[in-house]
Amino acid sequence: MNLDEELRGTLTREAERRTAPPPDIVGIISGGRVRRRRRTVVRLGAVAAATVLVGSAAYGVLTVELSAPGTDQGPASTRDDSATPDLLPDNGVPLESGVTYRLPVGTDASGGAIEVDLAVEGMNWSVSGFPVVHYAYATFAGFGAYMPSALADGTGCLRDRTTSDLGDTPQDLAKRLTELPRSTVLESPTATEVFGRAAVHLRLRVDVDCPNYYRVAQTPRGDRGITYSGAGPNPESVVIDFWVLDIDGTPVVVDQWRDNDAPRDLVDMARRARESITFVVD
């Protein structure tokens, strides 16, 4: 017997005398989940970073209404601190269908917190400042709720100036929104009711072709941008609806926007998600 055969035989007999430990099933599954989550977050983060810098979709392709003003009442304001939802996650993180998230909006005149709870349905939802949904990474829609500290001025692009002259009432703020740069008023400010509260509704078409992105407003959460990728005969326009509400003496904005060639089902997904909003006020 040569040295190789003697070594092989010795190792074989040693292996037969030992009992192998059971596999770490929990560790294997956990490791796979961590790797899968990491791949998902990295991939969606790259998509969000890439899409925020390109143009939007064409006006006139989709004629369906975002919503008939005054028909999407939504639930009344509530607070249930015993079941506080998770905060809306950071940019690039996907949103799970049917899960309720909490979004801080700002503070009222007395310093009390203003927040909203919201939920999305379906796939392809993620966070880019506020919730955004896409169809094949070609057309986009989204919604948000915020207390603006400044509005777009100049060209409306990210690196241009802003204005902090917002007025004191929802009517004042709605009037300022009709003056956003490179915008066309499709529906003038009109009194309505939404989320169980009085509001002012208006609709604009905005030319969002910017070297970076079009910034509607500055908010406590960051810039409210609405420039995403799109296709069509006029890919640099977005239709956006605003509802301006008075929350304990503080004007607050809820918006919903879409690329102009966004398919009806994508717009409906954004509408249903917006209608899920519940105001939570201290």
C-alpha atoms as a PDB file:
ATOM      1  CA  MET A   1       0.000   0.000   0.000  1.00  0.00           C
ATOM      2  CA  ASN A   2       1.441   3.335  -1.014  1.00  0.00           C
ATOM      3  CA  LEU A   3       1.269   6.561   1.003  1.00  0.00           C
ATOM      4  CA  ASP A   4      -1.810   7.940  -0.820  1.00  0.00           C
ATOM      5  CA  GLU A   5      -3.820   4.766  -0.247  1.00  0.00           C
ATOM      6  CA  GLU A   6      -2.799   4.595   3.411  1.00  0.00           C
ATOM      7  CA  LEU A   7      -3.810   8.279   3.976  1.00  0.00           C
ATOM      8  CA  ARG A   8      -7.156   7.810   2.192  1.00  0.00           C
ATOM      9  CA  GLY A   9      -7.949   4.731   4.265  1.00  0.00           C
ATOM     10  CA  THR A  10      -7.065   6.482   7.521  1.00  0.00           C
ATOM     11  CA  LEU A  11      -9.278   9.480   6.717  1.00  0.00           C
ATOM     12  CA  THR A  12     -12.167   7.215   5.674  1.00  0.00           C
ATOM     13  CA  ARG A  13     -12.056   5.253   8.947  1.00  0.00           C
ATOM     14  CA  GLU A  14     -11.872   8.509  10.939  1.00  0.00           C
ATOM     15  CA  ALA A  15     -14.916   9.932   9.106  1.00  0.00           C
ATOM     16  CA  GLU A  16     -16.922   6.771   9.758  1.00  0.00           C
ATOM     17  CA  ARG A  17     -16.273   7.075  13.515  1.00  0.00           C
ATOM     18  CA  ARG A  18     -17.502  10.699  13.685  1.00  0.00           C
ATOM     19  CA  THR A  19     -21.102  12.036  13.612  1.00  0.00           C
ATOM     20  CA  ALA A  20     -21.555  15.149  11.452  1.00  0.00           C
ATOM     21  CA  PRO A  21     -23.310  18.084  13.182  1.00  0.00           C
ATOM     22  CA  PRO A  22     -26.808  18.954  11.905  1.00  0.00           C
ATOM     23  CA  PRO A  23     -26.960  21.775   9.311  1.00  0.00           C
ATOM     24  CA  ASP A  24     -27.731  25.289  10.623  1.00  0.00           C
ATOM     25  CA  ILE A  25     -31.082  25.681   8.845  1.00  0.00           C
ATOM     26  CA  VAL A  26     -31.980  28.937  10.622  1.00  0.00           C
ATOM     27  CA  GLY A  27     -28.625  30.461   9.753  1.00  0.00           C
ATOM     28  CA  ILE A  28     -28.880  29.392   6.122  1.00  0.00           C
ATOM     29  CA  ILE A  29     -32.380  30.862   5.739  1.00  0.00           C
ATOM     30  CA  SER A  30     -31.468  34.056   7.590  1.00  0.00           C
ATOM     31  CA  GLY A  31     -28.349  34.526   5.506  1.00  0.00           C
ATOM     32  CA  GLY A  32     -30.322  34.074   2.309  1.00  0.00           C
ATOM     33  CA  ARG A  33     -32.901  36.630   3.403  1.00  0.00           C
ATOM     34  CA  VAL A  34     -30.202  39.157   4.290  1.00  0.00           C
ATOM     35  CA  ARG A  35     -28.498  38.696   0.941  1.00  0.00           C
ATOM     36  CA  ARG A  36     -31.810  38.920  -0.898  1.00  0.00           C
ATOM     37  CA  ARG A  37     -32.807  42.101   0.948  1.00  0.00           C
ATOM     38  CA  ARG A  38     -29.387  43.620   0.254  1.00  0.00           C
ATOM     39  CA  ARG A  39     -29.659  42.864  -3.456  1.00  0.00           C
ATOM     40  CA  THR A  40     -33.193  44.306  -3.554  1.00  0.00           C
ATOM     41  CA  VAL A  41     -32.271  47.518  -1.730  1.00  0.00           C
ATOM     42  CA  VAL A  42     -29.172  48.092  -3.865  1.00  0.00           C
ATOM     43  CA  ARG A  43     -31.081  47.456  -7.088  1.00  0.00           C
ATOM     44  CA  LEU A  44     -34.011  49.731  -6.183  1.00  0.00           C
ATOM     45  CA  GLY A  45     -31.668  52.387  -4.830  1.00  0.00           C
ATOM     46  CA  ALA A  46     -29.841  52.478  -8.145  1.00  0.00           C
ATOM     47  CA  VAL A  47     -33.129  52.726 -10.023  1.00  0.00           C
ATOM     48  CA  ALA A  48     -34.375  55.582  -7.828  1.00  0.00           C
ATOM     49  CA  ALA A  49     -31.098  57.475  -8.232  1.00  0.00           C
ATOM     50  CA  ALA A  50     -31.162  57.036 -11.986  1.00  0.00           C
ATOM     51  CA  THR A  51     -34.814  57.840 -12.598  1.00  0.00           C
ATOM     52  CA  VAL A  52     -34.927  61.052 -10.554  1.00  0.00           C
ATOM     53  CA  LEU A  53     -32.775  62.841 -13.109  1.00  0.00           C
ATOM     54  CA  VAL A  54     -34.694  62.164 -16.311  1.00  0.00           C
ATOM     55  CA  GLY A  55     -37.812  63.532 -17.994  1.00  0.00           C
ATOM     56  CA  SER A  56     -41.490  62.755 -17.488  1.00  0.00           C
ATOM     57  CA  ALA A  57     -44.232  61.563 -19.788  1.00  0.00           C
ATOM     58  CA  ALA A  58     -46.433  63.057 -22.499  1.00  0.00           C
ATOM     59  CA  TYR A  59     -49.502  65.205 -21.916  1.00  0.00           C
ATOM     60  CA  GLY A  60     -52.843  64.190 -23.363  1.00  0.00           C
ATOM     61  CA  VAL A  61     -52.261  60.456 -23.809  1.00  0.00           C
ATOM     62  CA  LEU A  62     -54.177  59.628 -20.641  1.00  0.00           C
ATOM     63  CA  THR A  63     -57.452  61.496 -20.305  1.00  0.00           C
ATOM     64  CA  VAL A  64     -58.783  59.706 -17.198  1.00  0.00           C
ATOM     65  CA  GLU A  65     -59.261  61.962 -14.178  1.00  0.00           C
ATOM     66  CA  LEU A  66     -56.882  61.492 -11.268  1.00  0.00           C
ATOM     67  CA  SER A  67     -59.975  61.761  -9.131  1.00  0.00           C
ATOM     68  CA  ALA A  68     -63.190  63.733  -9.167  1.00  0.00           C
ATOM     69  CA  PRO A  69     -62.579  66.457  -6.551  1.00  0.00           C
ATOM     70  CA  GLY A  70     -64.611  65.965  -3.406  1.00  0.00           C
ATOM     71  CA  THR A  71     -65.392  62.274  -3.976  1.00  0.00           C
ATOM     72  CA  ASP A  72     -62.392  60.730  -2.202  1.00  0.00           C
ATOM     73  CA  GLN A  73     -63.317  61.501   1.383  1.00  0.00           C
ATOM     74  CA  GLY A  74     -60.940  59.104   3.111  1.00  0.00           C
ATOM     75  CA  PRO A  75     -61.129  58.293   6.824  1.00  0.00           C
ATOM     76  CA  ALA A  76     -61.337  60.986   9.465  1.00  0.00           C
ATOM     77  CA  SER A  77     -58.344  61.904  11.643  1.00  0.00           C
ATOM     78  CA  THR A  78     -57.496  59.431  14.391  1.00  0.00           C
ATOM     79  CA  ARG A  79     -54.670  58.651  16.765  1.00  0.00           C
ATOM     80  CA  ASP A  80     -53.969  55.154  18.097  1.00  0.00           C
ATOM     81  CA  ASP A  81     -50.559  55.183  19.768  1.00  0.00           C
ATOM     82  CA  SER A  82     -50.972  51.548  20.816  1.00  0.00           C
ATOM     83  CA  ALA A  83     -50.497  50.449  17.205  1.00  0.00           C
ATOM     84  CA  THR A  84     -48.151  52.986  15.637  1.00  0.00           C
ATOM     85  CA  PRO A  85     -47.177  51.925  12.093  1.00  0.00           C
ATOM     86  CA  ASP A  86     -43.581  51.834  10.901  1.00  0.00           C
ATOM     87  CA  LEU A  87     -42.182  55.066   9.530  1.00  0.00           C
ATOM     88  CA  LEU A  88     -42.085  55.394   5.759  1.00  0.00           C
ATOM     89  CA  PRO A  89     -38.643  53.978   4.852  1.00  0.00           C
ATOM     90  CA  ASP A  90     -35.701  55.684   3.208  1.00  0.00           C
ATOM     91  CA  ASN A  91     -35.210  56.319  -0.498  1.00  0.00           C
ATOM     92  CA  GLY A  92     -34.863  53.244  -2.684  1.00  0.00           C
ATOM     93  CA  VAL A  93     -36.617  50.895  -0.252  1.00  0.00           C
ATOM     94  CA  PRO A  94     -39.616  49.011  -1.688  1.00  0.00           C
ATOM     95  CA  LEU A  95     -43.039  49.392  -0.078  1.00  0.00           C
ATOM     96  CA  GLU A  96     -45.054  46.298   0.774  1.00  0.00           C
ATOM     97  CA  SER A  97     -48.607  46.001  -0.454  1.00  0.00           C
ATOM     98  CA  GLY A  98     -51.207  46.260   2.301  1.00  0.00           C
ATOM     99  CA  VAL A  99     -48.767  47.482   4.968  1.00  0.00           C
ATOM    100  CA  THR A 100     -49.592  50.751   6.750  1.00  0.00           C
ATOM    101  CA  TYR A 101     -46.782  53.290   7.008  1.00  0.00           C
ATOM    102  CA  ARG A 102     -46.569  56.558   8.913  1.00  0.00           C
ATOM    103  CA  LEU A 103     -45.244  59.717   7.251  1.00  0.00           C
ATOM    104  CA  PRO A 104     -44.288  62.762   9.355  1.00  0.00           C
ATOM    105  CA  VAL A 105     -45.673  65.913   7.709  1.00  0.00           C
ATOM    106  CA  GLY A 106     -44.704  68.765  10.033  1.00  0.00           C
ATOM    107  CA  THR A 107     -45.971  70.604  13.099  1.00  0.00           C
ATOM    108  CA  ASP A 108     -49.032  72.746  13.684  1.00  0.00           C
ATOM    109  CA  ALA A 109     -49.132  76.271  15.084  1.00  0.00           C
ATOM    110  CA  SER A 110     -48.974  74.967  18.669  1.00  0.00           C
ATOM    111  CA  GLY A 111     -46.047  72.633  18.005  1.00  0.00           C
ATOM    112  CA  GLY A 112     -48.070  69.447  17.813  1.00  0.00           C
ATOM    113  CA  ALA A 113     -46.987  66.764  15.356  1.00  0.00           C
ATOM    114  CA  ILE A 114     -48.878  66.353  12.073  1.00  0.00           C
ATOM    115  CA  GLU A 115     -48.502  62.918  10.492  1.00  0.00           C
ATOM    116  CA  VAL A 116     -50.373  60.731   8.030  1.00  0.00           C
ATOM    117  CA  ASP A 117     -50.850  56.995   7.828  1.00  0.00           C
ATOM    118  CA  LEU A 118     -50.936  55.486   4.339  1.00  0.00           C
ATOM    119  CA  ALA A 119     -50.870  52.160   2.528  1.00  0.00           C
ATOM    120  CA  VAL A 120     -50.188  51.047  -1.045  1.00  0.00           C
ATOM    121  CA  GLU A 121     -51.523  48.166  -3.102  1.00  0.00           C
ATOM    122  CA  GLY A 122     -49.824  46.140  -5.803  1.00  0.00           C
ATOM    123  CA  MET A 123     -46.210  45.895  -6.915  1.00  0.00           C
ATOM    124  CA  ASN A 124     -43.441  48.273  -8.040  1.00  0.00           C
ATOM    125  CA  TRP A 125     -43.828  50.741  -5.187  1.00  0.00           C
ATOM    126  CA  SER A 126     -40.757  52.335  -3.609  1.00  0.00           C
ATOM    127  CA  VAL A 127     -39.740  55.543  -1.864  1.00  0.00           C
ATOM    128  CA  SER A 128     -38.144  58.517  -3.592  1.00  0.00           C
ATOM    129  CA  GLY A 129     -38.785  61.188  -0.998  1.00  0.00           C
ATOM    130  CA  PHE A 130     -42.437  60.121  -1.137  1.00  0.00           C
ATOM    131  CA  PRO A 131     -44.160  56.985  -2.509  1.00  0.00           C
ATOM    132  CA  VAL A 132     -43.712  56.392  -6.246  1.00  0.00           C
ATOM    133  CA  VAL A 133     -44.915  53.548  -8.471  1.00  0.00           C
ATOM    134  CA  HIS A 134     -43.778  52.624 -11.957  1.00  0.00           C
ATOM    135  CA  TYR A 135     -44.876  50.611 -14.964  1.00  0.00           C
ATOM    136  CA  ALA A 136     -41.896  48.776 -16.503  1.00  0.00           C
ATOM    137  CA  TYR A 137     -39.626  51.672 -15.371  1.00  0.00           C
ATOM    138  CA  ALA A 138     -41.103  53.661 -18.272  1.00  0.00           C
ATOM    139  CA  THR A 139     -43.989  55.620 -16.756  1.00  0.00           C
ATOM    140  CA  PHE A 140     -44.416  56.759 -13.183  1.00  0.00           C
ATOM    141  CA  ALA A 141     -46.991  58.083 -10.737  1.00  0.00           C
ATOM    142  CA  GLY A 142     -46.890  59.043  -7.093  1.00  0.00           C
ATOM    143  CA  PHE A 143     -48.387  60.970  -4.205  1.00  0.00           C
ATOM    144  CA  GLY A 144     -47.292  62.747  -1.073  1.00  0.00           C
ATOM    145  CA  ALA A 145     -48.307  64.778   1.953  1.00  0.00           C
ATOM    146  CA  TYR A 146     -46.200  67.628   3.272  1.00  0.00           C
ATOM    147  CA  MET A 147     -46.091  71.065   4.858  1.00  0.00           C
ATOM    148  CA  PRO A 148     -44.144  73.211   2.364  1.00  0.00           C
ATOM    149  CA  SER A 149     -41.582  75.650   3.698  1.00  0.00           C
ATOM    150  CA  ALA A 150     -40.888  77.083   0.211  1.00  0.00           C
ATOM    151  CA  LEU A 151     -42.169  76.697  -3.350  1.00  0.00           C
ATOM    152  CA  ALA A 152     -40.394  76.562  -6.705  1.00  0.00           C
ATOM    153  CA  ASP A 153     -39.397  79.851  -8.271  1.00  0.00           C
ATOM    154  CA  GLY A 154     -37.309  80.858 -11.268  1.00  0.00           C
ATOM    155  CA  THR A 155     -37.158  77.835 -13.579  1.00  0.00           C
ATOM    156  CA  GLY A 156     -38.415  75.420 -10.928  1.00  0.00           C
ATOM    157  CA  CYS A 157     -35.313  73.247 -11.340  1.00  0.00           C
ATOM    158  CA  LEU A 158     -33.416  72.013  -8.324  1.00  0.00           C
ATOM    159  CA  ARG A 159     -30.542  74.494  -8.455  1.00  0.00           C
ATOM    160  CA  ASP A 160     -32.724  77.564  -8.970  1.00  0.00           C
ATOM    161  CA  ARG A 161     -34.193  79.798  -6.294  1.00  0.00           C
ATOM    162  CA  THR A 162     -37.332  79.194  -4.233  1.00  0.00           C
ATOM    163  CA  THR A 163     -39.858  81.491  -2.585  1.00  0.00           C
ATOM    164  CA  SER A 164     -41.079  81.334   0.999  1.00  0.00           C
ATOM    165  CA  ASP A 165     -44.038  83.646   0.346  1.00  0.00           C
ATOM    166  CA  LEU A 166     -46.740  81.016   0.908  1.00  0.00           C
ATOM    167  CA  GLY A 167     -49.509  83.035   2.502  1.00  0.00           C
ATOM    168  CA  ASP A 168     -51.310  82.100   5.699  1.00  0.00           C
ATOM    169  CA  THR A 169     -54.351  80.104   4.554  1.00  0.00           C
ATOM    170  CA  PRO A 170     -55.070  77.148   2.260  1.00  0.00           C
ATOM    171  CA  GLN A 171     -56.559  79.604  -0.226  1.00  0.00           C
ATOM    172  CA  ASP A 172     -53.331  81.644  -0.203  1.00  0.00           C
ATOM    173  CA  LEU A 173     -51.175  78.548  -0.690  1.00  0.00           C
ATOM    174  CA  ALA A 174     -53.406  77.235  -3.484  1.00  0.00           C
ATOM    175  CA  LYS A 175     -53.042  80.586  -5.261  1.00  0.00           C
ATOM    176  CA  ARG A 176     -49.235  80.362  -4.936  1.00  0.00           C
ATOM    177  CA  LEU A 177     -49.301  76.843  -6.388  1.00  0.00           C
ATOM    178  CA  THR A 178     -51.043  78.111  -9.524  1.00  0.00           C
ATOM    179  CA  GLU A 179     -47.971  80.317 -10.044  1.00  0.00           C
ATOM    180  CA  LEU A 180     -45.416  77.499 -10.084  1.00  0.00           C
ATOM    181  CA  PRO A 181     -42.819  78.022 -12.832  1.00  0.00           C
ATOM    182  CA  ARG A 182     -43.542  76.506 -16.253  1.00  0.00           C
ATOM    183  CA  SER A 183     -46.999  75.359 -15.196  1.00  0.00           C
ATOM    184  CA  THR A 184     -50.408  75.566 -16.864  1.00  0.00           C
ATOM    185  CA  VAL A 185     -53.568  75.622 -14.756  1.00  0.00           C
ATOM    186  CA  LEU A 186     -55.896  72.817 -15.863  1.00  0.00           C
ATOM    187  CA  GLU A 187     -58.352  73.255 -12.972  1.00  0.00           C
ATOM    188  CA  SER A 188     -58.482  76.448 -10.929  1.00  0.00           C
ATOM    189  CA  PRO A 189     -58.580  76.353  -7.112  1.00  0.00           C
ATOM    190  CA  THR A 190     -61.979  75.100  -5.998  1.00  0.00           C
ATOM    191  CA  ALA A 191     -63.382  74.413  -2.546  1.00  0.00           C
ATOM    192  CA  THR A 192     -63.962  70.722  -1.883  1.00  0.00           C
ATOM    193  CA  GLU A 193     -63.822  68.144   0.907  1.00  0.00           C
ATOM    194  CA  VAL A 194     -61.240  65.396   1.264  1.00  0.00           C
ATOM    195  CA  PHE A 195     -60.174  63.096   4.125  1.00  0.00           C
ATOM    196  CA  GLY A 196     -63.178  64.352   6.044  1.00  0.00           C
ATOM    197  CA  ARG A 197     -61.874  67.921   5.947  1.00  0.00           C
ATOM    198  CA  ALA A 198     -62.446  71.100   3.956  1.00  0.00           C
ATOM    199  CA  ALA A 199     -59.827  71.619   1.258  1.00  0.00           C
ATOM    200  CA  VAL A 200     -58.934  73.587  -1.870  1.00  0.00           C
ATOM    201  CA  HIS A 201     -58.266  71.518  -5.015  1.00  0.00           C
ATOM    202  CA  LEU A 202     -56.361  72.516  -8.158  1.00  0.00           C
ATOM    203  CA  ARG A 203     -54.683  70.749 -11.088  1.00  0.00           C
ATOM    204  CA  LEU A 204     -51.625  71.792 -13.094  1.00  0.00           C
ATOM    205  CA  ARG A 205     -49.627  70.583 -16.048  1.00  0.00           C
ATOM    206  CA  VAL A 206     -45.939  71.219 -15.351  1.00  0.00           C
ATOM    207  CA  ASP A 207     -42.984  71.258 -17.741  1.00  0.00           C
ATOM    208  CA  VAL A 208     -40.433  69.348 -15.655  1.00  0.00           C
ATOM    209  CA  ASP A 209     -37.556  69.166 -18.151  1.00  0.00           C
ATOM    210  CA  CYS A 210     -34.610  70.042 -15.900  1.00  0.00           C
ATOM    211  CA  PRO A 211     -30.900  69.144 -15.887  1.00  0.00           C
ATOM    212  CA  ASN A 212     -31.510  67.590 -12.463  1.00  0.00           C
ATOM    213  CA  TYR A 213     -35.170  67.527 -11.431  1.00  0.00           C
ATOM    214  CA  TYR A 214     -38.149  69.833 -11.001  1.00  0.00           C
ATOM    215  CA  ARG A 215     -38.653  70.761  -7.346  1.00  0.00           C
ATOM    216  CA  VAL A 216     -42.238  71.672  -6.470  1.00  0.00           C
ATOM    217  CA  ALA A 217     -41.492  72.512  -2.856  1.00  0.00           C
ATOM    218  CA  GLN A 218     -39.110  72.242   0.033  1.00  0.00           C
ATOM    219  CA  THR A 219     -40.535  70.203   2.907  1.00  0.00           C
ATOM    220  CA  PRO A 220     -39.375  68.882   6.294  1.00  0.00           C
ATOM    221  CA  ARG A 221     -38.760  65.544   4.526  1.00  0.00           C
ATOM    222  CA  GLY A 222     -36.686  67.144   1.767  1.00  0.00           C
ATOM    223  CA  ASP A 223     -37.383  68.371  -1.756  1.00  0.00           C
ATOM    224  CA  ARG A 224     -40.672  67.428  -3.423  1.00  0.00           C
ATOM    225  CA  GLY A 225     -39.420  66.439  -6.895  1.00  0.00           C
ATOM    226  CA  ILE A 226     -41.617  65.171  -9.740  1.00  0.00           C
ATOM    227  CA  THR A 227     -39.143  64.441 -12.563  1.00  0.00           C
ATOM    228  CA  TYR A 228     -39.005  60.773 -13.551  1.00  0.00           C
ATOM    229  CA  SER A 229     -38.427  58.849 -16.746  1.00  0.00           C
ATOM    230  CA  GLY A 230     -41.168  58.567 -19.345  1.00  0.00           C
ATOM    231  CA  ALA A 231     -41.894  58.137 -23.016  1.00  0.00           C
ATOM    232  CA  GLY A 232     -44.246  59.752 -25.487  1.00  0.00           C
ATOM    233  CA  PRO A 233     -44.558  62.779 -27.762  1.00  0.00           C
ATOM    234  CA  ASN A 234     -43.971  65.205 -24.866  1.00  0.00           C
ATOM    235  CA  PRO A 235     -42.016  63.372 -22.180  1.00  0.00           C
ATOM    236  CA  GLU A 236     -41.215  66.444 -20.104  1.00  0.00           C
ATOM    237  CA  SER A 237     -44.696  67.180 -18.729  1.00  0.00           C
ATOM    238  CA  VAL A 238     -46.446  65.945 -15.611  1.00  0.00           C
ATOM    239  CA  VAL A 239     -50.033  66.415 -14.448  1.00  0.00           C
ATOM    240  CA  ILE A 240     -50.279  67.039 -10.728  1.00  0.00           C
ATOM    241  CA  ASP A 241     -53.276  67.554  -8.451  1.00  0.00           C
ATOM    242  CA  PHE A 242     -53.023  69.438  -5.157  1.00  0.00           C
ATOM    243  CA  TRP A 243     -55.373  69.391  -2.188  1.00  0.00           C
ATOM    244  CA  VAL A 244     -54.551  72.117   0.345  1.00  0.00           C
ATOM    245  CA  LEU A 245     -56.018  71.580   3.820  1.00  0.00           C
ATOM    246  CA  ASP A 246     -56.034  73.468   7.097  1.00  0.00           C
ATOM    247  CA  ILE A 247     -54.705  71.172   9.830  1.00  0.00           C
ATOM    248  CA  ASP A 248     -55.118  72.934  13.165  1.00  0.00           C
ATOM    249  CA  GLY A 249     -54.276  76.307  11.639  1.00  0.00           C
ATOM    250  CA  THR A 250     -51.466  75.034   9.390  1.00  0.00           C
ATOM    251  CA  PRO A 251     -51.825  74.720   5.576  1.00  0.00           C
ATOM    252  CA  VAL A 252     -50.829  71.194   4.495  1.00  0.00           C
ATOM    253  CA  VAL A 253     -50.608  69.824   0.957  1.00  0.00           C
ATOM    254  CA  VAL A 254     -51.583  66.397  -0.346  1.00  0.00           C
ATOM    255  CA  ASP A 255     -50.656  65.844  -3.984  1.00  0.00           C
ATOM    256  CA  GLN A 256     -50.925  63.172  -6.663  1.00  0.00           C
ATOM    257  CA  TRP A 257     -48.963  63.298  -9.923  1.00  0.00           C
ATOM    258  CA  ARG A 258     -48.526  61.165 -13.027  1.00  0.00           C
ATOM    259  CA  ASP A 259     -46.640  61.022 -16.278  1.00  0.00           C
ATOM    260  CA  ASN A 260     -49.039  61.982 -19.024  1.00  0.00           C
ATOM    261  CA  ASP A 261     -48.838  58.648 -20.783  1.00  0.00           C
ATOM    262  CA  ALA A 262     -49.267  56.651 -17.570  1.00  0.00           C
ATOM    263  CA  PRO A 263     -51.712  53.757 -18.045  1.00  0.00           C
ATOM    264  CA  ARG A 264     -55.056  53.890 -16.296  1.00  0.00           C
ATOM    265  CA  ASP A 265     -54.256  51.076 -13.864  1.00  0.00           C
ATOM    266  CA  LEU A 266     -51.095  52.871 -12.694  1.00  0.00           C
ATOM    267  CA  VAL A 267     -53.025  56.091 -12.061  1.00  0.00           C
ATOM    268  CA  ASP A 268     -55.700  54.121 -10.209  1.00  0.00           C
ATOM    269  CA  MET A 269     -53.023  52.554  -7.981  1.00  0.00           C
ATOM    270  CA  ALA A 270     -51.728  56.004  -7.064  1.00  0.00           C
ATOM    271  CA  ARG A 271     -55.264  57.276  -6.472  1.00  0.00           C
ATOM    272  CA  ARG A 272     -56.175  54.388  -4.146  1.00  0.00           C
ATOM    273  CA  ALA A 273     -52.964  54.867  -2.211  1.00  0.00           C
ATOM    274  CA  ARG A 274     -53.628  58.593  -1.828  1.00  0.00           C
ATOM    275  CA  GLU A 275     -57.171  57.897  -0.681  1.00  0.00           C
ATOM    276  CA  SER A 276     -55.775  55.622   2.052  1.00  0.00           C
ATOM    277  CA  ILE A 277     -54.297  58.650   3.832  1.00  0.00           C
ATOM    278  CA  THR A 278     -55.451  59.232   7.402  1.00  0.00           C
ATOM    279  CA  PHE A 279     -54.315  62.361   9.225  1.00  0.00           C
ATOM    280  CA  VAL A 280     -52.882  61.780  12.684  1.00  0.00           C
ATOM    281  CA  VAL A 281     -52.669  64.963  14.745  1.00  0.00           C
ATOM    282  CA  ASP A 282     -51.513  65.565  18.313  1.00  0.00           C
END
